[in-house]
Amino acid sequence: MTRVIIAEDQRLLRESFKNIIENNSDIQVIACATNGKEAYDLCKEQNPDVVLMDLSMPICTGTEATKLIKSDFPSIKVLILTASNDKTDVTDAISNGADGYILKDISTEELILSIKSASLGLGIITKDILSPMLLNLRKDSKKSKKKTVDIHGIDISLTEREIQIVSMIVDGKDNKEIGASLFIAEGTVKNIITEIISKLQLKDRTQLAVYAVKNGLV
């Protein structure tokens, strides 16, 4: 049985989601919250498997609540359920630990499947958001722009993705923020940075940031 908390400030939507979910015998709605703070407090009391989290709520937003919940209860899955397909909202939610992001216009079957998938540890992003992301990735791949730097008389090539990451390091972003912005795993970001530092024969990301600015990489 998957135990779910619904965080939604609009009563009609909250009750609708509850009725839809409880029609499935494998999922139980154990509590409902009207804002992010209530959702966080209920997590302490109820220890759910999944929190179905709206973004726009009073007192404490869904993004703020997600950060609090994932910080104190990392095993609880937070599945954002919102009307917003804005890239900034998606990035903020994921960078603050959300395990999935789906839109309120999905079907009943998709909602149930998303909850079950999130509870199993699968990252869920609705197709309406994922498709443009994949299209942008394909475009970036086709461009495959590179920048060449000279290291002790040897030409070293950096890909466009590597240059993007170097630029974000210069801006002070950490691996988690970079991963959320580029829609890649934090571990993948770490591996790419390690490879860049090795290519340029540097010691750490601080040296990398200084080198990038001095040599016009960004």
N, C-alpha and C. Protein backbone atom coordinates (compact mmCIF):
# COMPACT_ATOMS: atom_id res chain seq x y z
N MET A 1 0.84 -1.20 0.00
CA MET A 1 0.00 0.00 0.00
C MET A 1 0.87 1.25 0.00
N THR A 2 0.68 2.11 -0.99
CA THR A 2 1.41 3.37 -1.06
C THR A 2 0.63 4.44 -0.30
N ARG A 3 1.30 5.05 0.67
CA ARG A 3 0.66 6.04 1.55
C ARG A 3 0.97 7.44 1.03
N VAL A 4 -0.09 8.24 0.79
CA VAL A 4 0.08 9.53 0.13
C VAL A 4 -0.50 10.67 0.96
N ILE A 5 0.22 11.80 0.94
CA ILE A 5 -0.30 13.06 1.48
C ILE A 5 -0.53 14.00 0.30
N ILE A 6 -1.69 14.65 0.26
CA ILE A 6 -2.00 15.61 -0.80
C ILE A 6 -1.83 17.02 -0.24
N ALA A 7 -1.01 17.84 -0.90
CA ALA A 7 -0.84 19.24 -0.51
C ALA A 7 -1.41 20.12 -1.63
N GLU A 8 -2.57 20.67 -1.39
CA GLU A 8 -3.28 21.47 -2.41
C GLU A 8 -4.19 22.47 -1.69
N ASP A 9 -4.04 23.76 -2.00
CA ASP A 9 -4.80 24.77 -1.26
C ASP A 9 -6.24 24.91 -1.74
N GLN A 10 -6.56 24.48 -2.95
CA GLN A 10 -7.93 24.58 -3.44
C GLN A 10 -8.73 23.34 -3.03
N ARG A 11 -9.77 23.57 -2.25
CA ARG A 11 -10.52 22.46 -1.67
C ARG A 11 -11.11 21.52 -2.71
N LEU A 12 -11.68 22.09 -3.77
CA LEU A 12 -12.31 21.27 -4.80
C LEU A 12 -11.30 20.33 -5.45
N LEU A 13 -10.13 20.86 -5.80
CA LEU A 13 -9.09 20.03 -6.41
C LEU A 13 -8.57 19.00 -5.42
N ARG A 14 -8.39 19.44 -4.17
CA ARG A 14 -7.88 18.54 -3.14
C ARG A 14 -8.80 17.33 -2.97
N GLU A 15 -10.10 17.58 -2.89
CA GLU A 15 -11.06 16.49 -2.70
C GLU A 15 -11.18 15.63 -3.96
N SER A 16 -11.04 16.28 -5.12
CA SER A 16 -11.10 15.52 -6.38
C SER A 16 -9.93 14.55 -6.49
N PHE A 17 -8.73 15.05 -6.19
CA PHE A 17 -7.55 14.19 -6.24
C PHE A 17 -7.67 13.04 -5.23
N LYS A 18 -8.20 13.36 -4.06
CA LYS A 18 -8.36 12.34 -3.01
C LYS A 18 -9.31 11.23 -3.50
N ASN A 19 -10.43 11.62 -4.08
CA ASN A 19 -11.40 10.63 -4.57
C ASN A 19 -10.82 9.78 -5.69
N ILE A 20 -10.10 10.43 -6.60
CA ILE A 20 -9.48 9.70 -7.72
C ILE A 20 -8.48 8.68 -7.21
N ILE A 21 -7.63 9.12 -6.30
CA ILE A 21 -6.56 8.26 -5.80
C ILE A 21 -7.12 7.09 -5.00
N GLU A 22 -8.13 7.37 -4.17
CA GLU A 22 -8.64 6.32 -3.29
C GLU A 22 -9.50 5.30 -4.04
N ASN A 23 -9.78 5.55 -5.30
CA ASN A 23 -10.44 4.53 -6.12
C ASN A 23 -9.49 3.41 -6.50
N ASN A 24 -8.21 3.65 -6.27
CA ASN A 24 -7.20 2.63 -6.53
C ASN A 24 -6.87 1.93 -5.21
N SER A 25 -7.02 0.63 -5.17
CA SER A 25 -6.87 -0.12 -3.92
C SER A 25 -5.43 -0.19 -3.43
N ASP A 26 -4.47 0.17 -4.28
CA ASP A 26 -3.06 0.10 -3.89
C ASP A 26 -2.54 1.38 -3.27
N ILE A 27 -3.37 2.44 -3.25
CA ILE A 27 -2.93 3.74 -2.74
C ILE A 27 -3.91 4.24 -1.68
N GLN A 28 -3.35 4.76 -0.60
CA GLN A 28 -4.18 5.29 0.47
C GLN A 28 -3.79 6.75 0.74
N VAL A 29 -4.77 7.65 0.75
CA VAL A 29 -4.53 9.05 1.12
C VAL A 29 -4.63 9.13 2.64
N ILE A 30 -3.52 9.38 3.30
CA ILE A 30 -3.51 9.35 4.77
C ILE A 30 -3.74 10.73 5.38
N ALA A 31 -3.57 11.80 4.57
CA ALA A 31 -3.79 13.15 5.09
C ALA A 31 -3.78 14.15 3.93
N CYS A 32 -4.35 15.34 4.19
CA CYS A 32 -4.34 16.42 3.21
C CYS A 32 -3.85 17.70 3.88
N ALA A 33 -3.15 18.52 3.10
CA ALA A 33 -2.62 19.79 3.60
C ALA A 33 -3.07 20.91 2.68
N THR A 34 -3.22 22.12 3.24
CA THR A 34 -3.65 23.27 2.45
C THR A 34 -2.49 24.21 2.12
N ASN A 35 -1.30 23.90 2.65
CA ASN A 35 -0.11 24.69 2.32
C ASN A 35 1.14 23.86 2.60
N GLY A 36 2.29 24.40 2.21
CA GLY A 36 3.53 23.65 2.34
C GLY A 36 3.94 23.35 3.78
N LYS A 37 3.65 24.28 4.69
CA LYS A 37 4.02 24.06 6.10
C LYS A 37 3.22 22.90 6.67
N GLU A 38 1.92 22.86 6.37
CA GLU A 38 1.10 21.74 6.84
C GLU A 38 1.61 20.42 6.27
N ALA A 39 2.03 20.44 5.01
CA ALA A 39 2.55 19.22 4.37
C ALA A 39 3.80 18.74 5.10
N TYR A 40 4.69 19.67 5.42
CA TYR A 40 5.92 19.32 6.14
C TYR A 40 5.60 18.75 7.52
N ASP A 41 4.70 19.41 8.25
CA ASP A 41 4.31 18.93 9.60
C ASP A 41 3.68 17.54 9.53
N LEU A 42 2.86 17.32 8.50
CA LEU A 42 2.21 16.01 8.35
C LEU A 42 3.23 14.92 8.03
N CYS A 43 4.29 15.28 7.32
CA CYS A 43 5.34 14.30 7.03
C CYS A 43 6.00 13.82 8.32
N LYS A 44 6.18 14.75 9.25
CA LYS A 44 6.76 14.37 10.55
C LYS A 44 5.85 13.43 11.31
N GLU A 45 4.55 13.65 11.20
CA GLU A 45 3.58 12.85 11.95
C GLU A 45 3.26 11.52 11.26
N GLN A 46 3.12 11.54 9.94
CA GLN A 46 2.56 10.40 9.21
C GLN A 46 3.59 9.56 8.43
N ASN A 47 4.75 10.13 8.11
CA ASN A 47 5.79 9.44 7.34
C ASN A 47 5.21 8.76 6.08
N PRO A 48 4.71 9.55 5.14
CA PRO A 48 4.11 8.99 3.91
C PRO A 48 5.17 8.44 2.96
N ASP A 49 4.72 7.73 1.96
CA ASP A 49 5.63 7.30 0.89
C ASP A 49 5.80 8.41 -0.14
N VAL A 50 4.68 9.10 -0.44
CA VAL A 50 4.69 10.13 -1.48
C VAL A 50 3.89 11.34 -1.02
N VAL A 51 4.41 12.53 -1.32
CA VAL A 51 3.64 13.77 -1.13
C VAL A 51 3.30 14.30 -2.52
N LEU A 52 2.01 14.46 -2.78
CA LEU A 52 1.55 15.04 -4.04
C LEU A 52 1.44 16.54 -3.80
N MET A 53 2.37 17.31 -4.36
CA MET A 53 2.60 18.70 -3.95
C MET A 53 2.25 19.72 -5.02
N ASP A 54 1.32 20.62 -4.68
CA ASP A 54 1.06 21.77 -5.56
C ASP A 54 2.20 22.78 -5.36
N LEU A 55 2.41 23.65 -6.34
CA LEU A 55 3.47 24.66 -6.21
C LEU A 55 2.97 25.95 -5.58
N SER A 56 1.86 26.47 -6.10
CA SER A 56 1.37 27.77 -5.65
C SER A 56 0.42 27.61 -4.48
N MET A 57 0.96 27.83 -3.26
CA MET A 57 0.16 27.72 -2.05
C MET A 57 0.54 28.83 -1.08
N PRO A 58 -0.39 29.26 -0.20
CA PRO A 58 -0.08 30.32 0.76
C PRO A 58 0.83 29.82 1.89
N ILE A 59 1.38 30.77 2.63
CA ILE A 59 2.22 30.53 3.82
C ILE A 59 3.56 29.91 3.45
N CYS A 60 3.52 28.77 2.78
CA CYS A 60 4.75 28.08 2.37
C CYS A 60 4.49 27.40 1.02
N THR A 61 5.23 27.80 0.01
CA THR A 61 4.99 27.27 -1.34
C THR A 61 5.41 25.81 -1.45
N GLY A 62 4.99 25.18 -2.54
CA GLY A 62 5.36 23.80 -2.77
C GLY A 62 6.86 23.61 -2.92
N THR A 63 7.52 24.56 -3.56
CA THR A 63 8.98 24.48 -3.72
C THR A 63 9.68 24.56 -2.38
N GLU A 64 9.27 25.51 -1.54
CA GLU A 64 9.86 25.65 -0.21
C GLU A 64 9.62 24.39 0.63
N ALA A 65 8.39 23.87 0.55
CA ALA A 65 8.05 22.66 1.32
C ALA A 65 8.85 21.46 0.84
N THR A 66 9.05 21.36 -0.46
CA THR A 66 9.83 20.26 -1.03
C THR A 66 11.24 20.28 -0.47
N LYS A 67 11.84 21.46 -0.43
CA LYS A 67 13.20 21.59 0.11
C LYS A 67 13.26 21.14 1.56
N LEU A 68 12.28 21.55 2.37
CA LEU A 68 12.24 21.17 3.78
C LEU A 68 12.06 19.66 3.94
N ILE A 69 11.12 19.12 3.21
CA ILE A 69 10.82 17.68 3.32
C ILE A 69 12.00 16.83 2.89
N LYS A 70 12.60 17.15 1.74
CA LYS A 70 13.71 16.34 1.23
C LYS A 70 14.95 16.50 2.09
N SER A 71 15.07 17.63 2.78
CA SER A 71 16.21 17.85 3.67
C SER A 71 16.10 16.99 4.93
N ASP A 72 14.90 16.94 5.50
CA ASP A 72 14.70 16.22 6.77
C ASP A 72 14.22 14.78 6.58
N PHE A 73 13.54 14.52 5.47
CA PHE A 73 13.00 13.17 5.22
C PHE A 73 13.32 12.74 3.79
N PRO A 74 14.58 12.48 3.49
CA PRO A 74 15.00 12.20 2.10
C PRO A 74 14.33 10.98 1.47
N SER A 75 13.83 10.06 2.29
CA SER A 75 13.20 8.86 1.73
C SER A 75 11.78 9.11 1.23
N ILE A 76 11.16 10.21 1.67
CA ILE A 76 9.82 10.55 1.21
C ILE A 76 9.91 11.13 -0.20
N LYS A 77 9.10 10.60 -1.10
CA LYS A 77 9.11 11.08 -2.48
C LYS A 77 8.15 12.27 -2.62
N VAL A 78 8.61 13.31 -3.29
CA VAL A 78 7.76 14.49 -3.52
C VAL A 78 7.47 14.58 -5.01
N LEU A 79 6.20 14.47 -5.35
CA LEU A 79 5.75 14.54 -6.74
C LEU A 79 4.97 15.84 -6.94
N ILE A 80 5.56 16.76 -7.71
CA ILE A 80 4.89 18.04 -7.96
C ILE A 80 3.72 17.83 -8.90
N LEU A 81 2.54 18.36 -8.50
CA LEU A 81 1.35 18.33 -9.35
C LEU A 81 0.85 19.77 -9.49
N THR A 82 1.04 20.36 -10.65
CA THR A 82 0.82 21.78 -10.82
C THR A 82 0.24 22.10 -12.19
N ALA A 83 -0.23 23.32 -12.35
CA ALA A 83 -0.70 23.78 -13.65
C ALA A 83 0.41 24.47 -14.43
N SER A 84 1.55 24.70 -13.78
CA SER A 84 2.63 25.46 -14.40
C SER A 84 3.62 24.57 -15.16
N ASN A 85 3.83 24.91 -16.44
CA ASN A 85 4.86 24.23 -17.22
C ASN A 85 6.04 25.17 -17.49
N ASP A 86 6.16 26.22 -16.67
CA ASP A 86 7.24 27.18 -16.81
C ASP A 86 8.58 26.53 -16.47
N LYS A 87 9.58 26.75 -17.33
CA LYS A 87 10.87 26.10 -17.15
C LYS A 87 11.50 26.46 -15.80
N THR A 88 11.33 27.72 -15.38
CA THR A 88 11.90 28.15 -14.10
C THR A 88 11.29 27.37 -12.94
N ASP A 89 9.97 27.17 -12.98
CA ASP A 89 9.30 26.40 -11.92
C ASP A 89 9.81 24.96 -11.91
N VAL A 90 9.97 24.39 -13.09
CA VAL A 90 10.48 23.02 -13.18
C VAL A 90 11.89 22.93 -12.59
N THR A 91 12.76 23.86 -12.99
CA THR A 91 14.14 23.87 -12.52
C THR A 91 14.21 24.06 -11.01
N ASP A 92 13.42 25.01 -10.49
CA ASP A 92 13.42 25.27 -9.05
C ASP A 92 12.95 24.05 -8.27
N ALA A 93 11.90 23.41 -8.76
CA ALA A 93 11.36 22.24 -8.07
C ALA A 93 12.38 21.10 -8.02
N ILE A 94 12.98 20.82 -9.16
CA ILE A 94 13.95 19.72 -9.23
C ILE A 94 15.20 20.03 -8.42
N SER A 95 15.67 21.28 -8.49
CA SER A 95 16.88 21.64 -7.74
C SER A 95 16.65 21.60 -6.24
N ASN A 96 15.39 21.71 -5.82
CA ASN A 96 15.07 21.62 -4.40
C ASN A 96 14.68 20.22 -3.97
N GLY A 97 14.85 19.25 -4.88
CA GLY A 97 14.71 17.85 -4.48
C GLY A 97 13.49 17.11 -4.96
N ALA A 98 12.63 17.75 -5.75
CA ALA A 98 11.42 17.07 -6.22
C ALA A 98 11.77 15.80 -7.01
N ASP A 99 11.02 14.74 -6.77
CA ASP A 99 11.27 13.46 -7.44
C ASP A 99 10.51 13.34 -8.75
N GLY A 100 9.58 14.25 -8.98
CA GLY A 100 8.82 14.21 -10.22
C GLY A 100 8.05 15.50 -10.43
N TYR A 101 7.60 15.73 -11.67
CA TYR A 101 6.90 16.97 -12.00
C TYR A 101 5.84 16.63 -13.05
N ILE A 102 4.57 16.74 -12.67
CA ILE A 102 3.48 16.43 -13.59
C ILE A 102 2.47 17.57 -13.57
N LEU A 103 1.70 17.67 -14.65
CA LEU A 103 0.72 18.75 -14.80
C LEU A 103 -0.70 18.27 -14.44
N LYS A 104 -1.52 19.22 -14.03
CA LYS A 104 -2.86 18.89 -13.54
C LYS A 104 -3.82 18.43 -14.63
N ASP A 105 -3.42 18.59 -15.90
CA ASP A 105 -4.32 18.15 -16.97
C ASP A 105 -4.08 16.71 -17.40
N ILE A 106 -3.28 15.96 -16.63
CA ILE A 106 -3.05 14.56 -16.97
C ILE A 106 -4.29 13.73 -16.67
N SER A 107 -4.34 12.55 -17.24
CA SER A 107 -5.50 11.67 -17.04
C SER A 107 -5.43 10.99 -15.68
N THR A 108 -6.56 10.41 -15.28
CA THR A 108 -6.62 9.68 -14.01
C THR A 108 -5.60 8.54 -14.00
N GLU A 109 -5.52 7.81 -15.10
CA GLU A 109 -4.59 6.69 -15.18
C GLU A 109 -3.13 7.15 -15.06
N GLU A 110 -2.83 8.28 -15.69
CA GLU A 110 -1.47 8.82 -15.62
C GLU A 110 -1.12 9.28 -14.21
N LEU A 111 -2.09 9.85 -13.52
CA LEU A 111 -1.86 10.29 -12.14
C LEU A 111 -1.53 9.11 -11.24
N ILE A 112 -2.32 8.06 -11.34
CA ILE A 112 -2.09 6.87 -10.52
C ILE A 112 -0.73 6.25 -10.84
N LEU A 113 -0.42 6.13 -12.13
CA LEU A 113 0.85 5.55 -12.54
C LEU A 113 2.03 6.40 -12.05
N SER A 114 1.87 7.72 -12.09
CA SER A 114 2.94 8.62 -11.64
C SER A 114 3.21 8.45 -10.16
N ILE A 115 2.15 8.32 -9.37
CA ILE A 115 2.30 8.13 -7.92
C ILE A 115 3.01 6.82 -7.63
N LYS A 116 2.58 5.75 -8.28
CA LYS A 116 3.19 4.45 -8.06
C LYS A 116 4.66 4.45 -8.50
N SER A 117 4.94 5.08 -9.62
CA SER A 117 6.31 5.14 -10.13
C SER A 117 7.20 5.93 -9.20
N ALA A 118 6.70 7.07 -8.70
CA ALA A 118 7.47 7.89 -7.77
C ALA A 118 7.78 7.12 -6.50
N SER A 119 6.81 6.36 -6.01
CA SER A 119 7.02 5.58 -4.78
C SER A 119 8.10 4.52 -4.96
N LEU A 120 8.31 4.09 -6.20
CA LEU A 120 9.34 3.08 -6.49
C LEU A 120 10.70 3.71 -6.77
N GLY A 121 10.75 5.05 -6.71
CA GLY A 121 12.03 5.73 -6.89
C GLY A 121 12.31 6.16 -8.32
N LEU A 122 11.29 6.11 -9.19
CA LEU A 122 11.49 6.53 -10.58
C LEU A 122 11.22 8.03 -10.71
N GLY A 123 12.08 8.73 -11.43
CA GLY A 123 11.87 10.15 -11.68
C GLY A 123 10.81 10.34 -12.75
N ILE A 124 9.81 11.16 -12.46
CA ILE A 124 8.68 11.33 -13.37
C ILE A 124 8.60 12.78 -13.84
N ILE A 125 8.61 12.99 -15.17
CA ILE A 125 8.39 14.31 -15.74
C ILE A 125 7.36 14.17 -16.84
N THR A 126 6.31 14.99 -16.78
CA THR A 126 5.23 14.88 -17.76
C THR A 126 5.74 15.13 -19.18
N LYS A 127 5.13 14.46 -20.14
CA LYS A 127 5.60 14.51 -21.53
C LYS A 127 5.61 15.93 -22.08
N ASP A 128 4.62 16.76 -21.69
CA ASP A 128 4.53 18.13 -22.20
C ASP A 128 5.76 18.95 -21.83
N ILE A 129 6.42 18.58 -20.75
CA ILE A 129 7.63 19.28 -20.32
C ILE A 129 8.87 18.56 -20.85
N LEU A 130 8.84 17.23 -20.82
CA LEU A 130 10.01 16.45 -21.23
C LEU A 130 10.31 16.60 -22.72
N SER A 131 9.28 16.63 -23.56
CA SER A 131 9.50 16.69 -25.01
C SER A 131 10.31 17.92 -25.44
N PRO A 132 9.95 19.14 -24.97
CA PRO A 132 10.76 20.30 -25.33
C PRO A 132 12.20 20.20 -24.82
N MET A 133 12.37 19.59 -23.64
CA MET A 133 13.71 19.41 -23.09
C MET A 133 14.55 18.52 -24.00
N LEU A 134 13.94 17.41 -24.44
CA LEU A 134 14.66 16.49 -25.33
C LEU A 134 14.97 17.14 -26.66
N LEU A 135 14.04 17.97 -27.15
CA LEU A 135 14.26 18.66 -28.42
C LEU A 135 15.45 19.60 -28.31
N ASN A 136 15.54 20.32 -27.19
CA ASN A 136 16.67 21.22 -26.98
C ASN A 136 17.98 20.46 -26.88
N LEU A 137 17.93 19.30 -26.22
CA LEU A 137 19.14 18.48 -26.11
C LEU A 137 19.61 18.00 -27.48
N ARG A 138 18.63 17.61 -28.32
CA ARG A 138 18.98 17.15 -29.67
C ARG A 138 19.59 18.29 -30.49
N LYS A 139 19.03 19.47 -30.34
CA LYS A 139 19.56 20.63 -31.06
C LYS A 139 20.99 20.92 -30.61
N ASP A 140 21.20 20.85 -29.29
CA ASP A 140 22.54 21.08 -28.76
C ASP A 140 23.51 20.05 -29.29
N SER A 141 23.03 18.80 -29.38
CA SER A 141 23.88 17.71 -29.86
C SER A 141 24.27 17.92 -31.32
N LYS A 142 23.32 18.42 -32.12
CA LYS A 142 23.60 18.65 -33.54
C LYS A 142 24.60 19.78 -33.73
N LYS A 143 24.48 20.79 -32.89
CA LYS A 143 25.40 21.91 -32.99
C LYS A 143 26.83 21.48 -32.64
N SER A 144 26.95 20.72 -31.55
CA SER A 144 28.22 20.19 -31.05
C SER A 144 29.38 21.19 -31.20
N LYS A 145 29.13 22.42 -30.77
CA LYS A 145 30.18 23.43 -30.83
C LYS A 145 31.29 23.10 -29.83
N LYS A 146 32.51 23.42 -30.21
CA LYS A 146 33.64 23.16 -29.34
C LYS A 146 34.50 24.41 -29.24
N LYS A 147 35.21 24.54 -28.13
CA LYS A 147 36.17 25.62 -27.96
C LYS A 147 37.52 24.98 -27.66
N THR A 148 38.55 25.49 -28.31
CA THR A 148 39.88 24.92 -28.17
C THR A 148 40.78 25.85 -27.37
N VAL A 149 41.50 25.28 -26.40
CA VAL A 149 42.47 26.05 -25.63
C VAL A 149 43.83 25.38 -25.73
N ASP A 150 44.86 26.18 -25.57
CA ASP A 150 46.23 25.66 -25.67
C ASP A 150 46.79 25.38 -24.28
N ILE A 151 47.15 24.12 -24.05
CA ILE A 151 47.74 23.73 -22.77
C ILE A 151 49.14 23.19 -23.06
N HIS A 152 50.15 23.99 -22.72
CA HIS A 152 51.55 23.59 -22.92
C HIS A 152 51.79 23.14 -24.37
N GLY A 153 51.24 23.91 -25.32
CA GLY A 153 51.48 23.62 -26.72
C GLY A 153 50.57 22.56 -27.31
N ILE A 154 49.62 22.06 -26.52
CA ILE A 154 48.68 21.03 -26.99
C ILE A 154 47.28 21.62 -27.03
N ASP A 155 46.60 21.46 -28.16
CA ASP A 155 45.22 21.96 -28.29
C ASP A 155 44.25 21.02 -27.57
N ILE A 156 43.51 21.59 -26.63
CA ILE A 156 42.52 20.82 -25.86
C ILE A 156 41.13 21.35 -26.21
N SER A 157 40.23 20.44 -26.62
CA SER A 157 38.88 20.84 -27.02
C SER A 157 37.89 20.67 -25.86
N LEU A 158 37.04 21.67 -25.67
CA LEU A 158 35.96 21.60 -24.70
C LEU A 158 34.64 21.68 -25.46
N THR A 159 33.71 20.79 -25.15
CA THR A 159 32.42 20.78 -25.83
C THR A 159 31.55 21.94 -25.33
N GLU A 160 30.46 22.18 -26.06
CA GLU A 160 29.53 23.24 -25.66
C GLU A 160 28.96 22.95 -24.27
N ARG A 161 28.65 21.69 -23.98
CA ARG A 161 28.12 21.32 -22.67
C ARG A 161 29.15 21.61 -21.57
N GLU A 162 30.41 21.28 -21.86
CA GLU A 162 31.47 21.55 -20.87
C GLU A 162 31.62 23.05 -20.62
N ILE A 163 31.53 23.85 -21.70
CA ILE A 163 31.62 25.30 -21.55
C ILE A 163 30.44 25.83 -20.73
N GLN A 164 29.25 25.26 -20.95
CA GLN A 164 28.07 25.65 -20.17
C GLN A 164 28.31 25.42 -18.68
N ILE A 165 28.86 24.27 -18.36
CA ILE A 165 29.10 23.92 -16.96
C ILE A 165 30.16 24.82 -16.35
N VAL A 166 31.21 25.10 -17.11
CA VAL A 166 32.26 26.00 -16.62
C VAL A 166 31.66 27.38 -16.33
N SER A 167 30.78 27.84 -17.22
CA SER A 167 30.13 29.15 -17.03
C SER A 167 29.32 29.17 -15.74
N MET A 168 28.61 28.07 -15.45
CA MET A 168 27.81 28.01 -14.22
C MET A 168 28.69 27.94 -12.98
N ILE A 169 29.85 27.30 -13.10
CA ILE A 169 30.80 27.27 -11.98
C ILE A 169 31.29 28.68 -11.68
N VAL A 170 31.61 29.43 -12.74
CA VAL A 170 32.03 30.82 -12.57
C VAL A 170 30.93 31.64 -11.90
N ASP A 171 29.67 31.32 -12.19
CA ASP A 171 28.53 32.03 -11.59
C ASP A 171 28.27 31.59 -10.15
N GLY A 172 29.04 30.60 -9.67
CA GLY A 172 28.91 30.16 -8.28
C GLY A 172 27.90 29.07 -8.02
N LYS A 173 27.40 28.43 -9.07
CA LYS A 173 26.42 27.36 -8.88
C LYS A 173 27.10 26.07 -8.43
N ASP A 174 26.43 25.32 -7.56
CA ASP A 174 26.97 24.03 -7.14
C ASP A 174 26.49 22.93 -8.09
N ASN A 175 26.96 21.71 -7.86
CA ASN A 175 26.64 20.60 -8.78
C ASN A 175 25.14 20.34 -8.88
N LYS A 176 24.44 20.46 -7.76
CA LYS A 176 23.00 20.19 -7.75
C LYS A 176 22.26 21.21 -8.61
N GLU A 177 22.66 22.49 -8.48
CA GLU A 177 22.01 23.55 -9.25
C GLU A 177 22.33 23.42 -10.75
N ILE A 178 23.57 23.04 -11.06
CA ILE A 178 23.95 22.85 -12.45
C ILE A 178 23.15 21.70 -13.07
N GLY A 179 23.04 20.60 -12.32
CA GLY A 179 22.29 19.45 -12.81
C GLY A 179 20.84 19.78 -13.07
N ALA A 180 20.23 20.55 -12.17
CA ALA A 180 18.83 20.94 -12.34
C ALA A 180 18.65 21.83 -13.57
N SER A 181 19.59 22.75 -13.79
CA SER A 181 19.50 23.66 -14.93
C SER A 181 19.65 22.93 -16.26
N LEU A 182 20.50 21.90 -16.28
CA LEU A 182 20.76 21.17 -17.52
C LEU A 182 19.97 19.88 -17.63
N PHE A 183 19.18 19.58 -16.58
CA PHE A 183 18.36 18.36 -16.54
C PHE A 183 19.23 17.10 -16.65
N ILE A 184 20.33 17.09 -15.91
CA ILE A 184 21.18 15.90 -15.82
C ILE A 184 21.45 15.60 -14.35
N ALA A 185 21.86 14.38 -14.06
CA ALA A 185 22.07 13.97 -12.67
C ALA A 185 23.26 14.70 -12.05
N GLU A 186 23.17 14.90 -10.74
CA GLU A 186 24.26 15.58 -10.02
C GLU A 186 25.58 14.82 -10.18
N GLY A 187 25.50 13.48 -10.18
CA GLY A 187 26.71 12.67 -10.34
C GLY A 187 27.33 12.86 -11.72
N THR A 188 26.48 13.04 -12.74
CA THR A 188 26.98 13.28 -14.10
C THR A 188 27.73 14.61 -14.16
N VAL A 189 27.18 15.63 -13.48
CA VAL A 189 27.84 16.94 -13.42
C VAL A 189 29.22 16.80 -12.79
N LYS A 190 29.29 16.07 -11.69
CA LYS A 190 30.56 15.88 -10.99
C LYS A 190 31.59 15.22 -11.90
N ASN A 191 31.16 14.21 -12.65
CA ASN A 191 32.08 13.49 -13.55
C ASN A 191 32.58 14.40 -14.67
N ILE A 192 31.68 15.23 -15.22
CA ILE A 192 32.07 16.15 -16.29
C ILE A 192 33.08 17.17 -15.78
N ILE A 193 32.82 17.71 -14.58
CA ILE A 193 33.74 18.70 -14.01
C ILE A 193 35.11 18.09 -13.77
N THR A 194 35.12 16.86 -13.25
CA THR A 194 36.39 16.15 -13.02
C THR A 194 37.17 15.99 -14.32
N GLU A 195 36.45 15.68 -15.40
CA GLU A 195 37.09 15.50 -16.70
C GLU A 195 37.64 16.83 -17.24
N ILE A 196 36.88 17.92 -17.05
CA ILE A 196 37.34 19.24 -17.50
C ILE A 196 38.62 19.64 -16.76
N ILE A 197 38.59 19.46 -15.44
CA ILE A 197 39.76 19.81 -14.62
C ILE A 197 40.99 19.01 -15.04
N SER A 198 40.76 17.72 -15.35
CA SER A 198 41.86 16.87 -15.82
C SER A 198 42.39 17.33 -17.17
N LYS A 199 41.47 17.66 -18.10
CA LYS A 199 41.87 18.12 -19.43
C LYS A 199 42.76 19.36 -19.35
N LEU A 200 42.36 20.29 -18.48
CA LEU A 200 43.05 21.58 -18.39
C LEU A 200 44.22 21.55 -17.40
N GLN A 201 44.46 20.37 -16.82
CA GLN A 201 45.58 20.18 -15.89
C GLN A 201 45.51 21.15 -14.72
N LEU A 202 44.32 21.23 -14.13
CA LEU A 202 44.08 22.08 -12.96
C LEU A 202 43.84 21.21 -11.73
N LYS A 203 43.74 21.86 -10.57
CA LYS A 203 43.61 21.10 -9.32
C LYS A 203 42.16 20.98 -8.84
N ASP A 204 41.39 22.04 -8.98
CA ASP A 204 40.02 22.02 -8.44
C ASP A 204 39.15 23.01 -9.18
N ARG A 205 37.87 23.09 -8.79
CA ARG A 205 36.91 23.95 -9.48
C ARG A 205 37.20 25.43 -9.27
N THR A 206 37.87 25.77 -8.17
CA THR A 206 38.25 27.16 -7.95
C THR A 206 39.27 27.60 -9.00
N GLN A 207 40.30 26.76 -9.20
CA GLN A 207 41.28 27.04 -10.24
C GLN A 207 40.61 27.09 -11.62
N LEU A 208 39.63 26.21 -11.81
CA LEU A 208 38.92 26.17 -13.09
C LEU A 208 38.19 27.48 -13.34
N ALA A 209 37.52 28.01 -12.32
CA ALA A 209 36.79 29.27 -12.46
C ALA A 209 37.75 30.42 -12.80
N VAL A 210 38.86 30.47 -12.10
CA VAL A 210 39.85 31.53 -12.34
C VAL A 210 40.42 31.40 -13.75
N TYR A 211 40.76 30.18 -14.14
CA TYR A 211 41.33 29.93 -15.47
C TYR A 211 40.34 30.35 -16.55
N ALA A 212 39.07 30.00 -16.35
CA ALA A 212 38.04 30.30 -17.35
C ALA A 212 37.91 31.80 -17.58
N VAL A 213 37.92 32.56 -16.50
CA VAL A 213 37.79 34.02 -16.62
C VAL A 213 39.03 34.62 -17.28
N LYS A 214 40.22 34.18 -16.85
CA LYS A 214 41.47 34.74 -17.37
C LYS A 214 41.66 34.43 -18.86
N ASN A 215 41.17 33.26 -19.30
CA ASN A 215 41.40 32.83 -20.66
C ASN A 215 40.19 32.99 -21.58
N GLY A 216 39.18 33.67 -21.10
CA GLY A 216 38.03 33.98 -21.93
C GLY A 216 37.20 32.79 -22.35
N LEU A 217 37.12 31.76 -21.50
CA LEU A 217 36.29 30.59 -21.84
C LEU A 217 34.82 30.92 -21.70
N VAL A 218 34.50 31.88 -20.85
CA VAL A 218 33.09 32.25 -20.61
C VAL A 218 32.93 33.76 -20.75
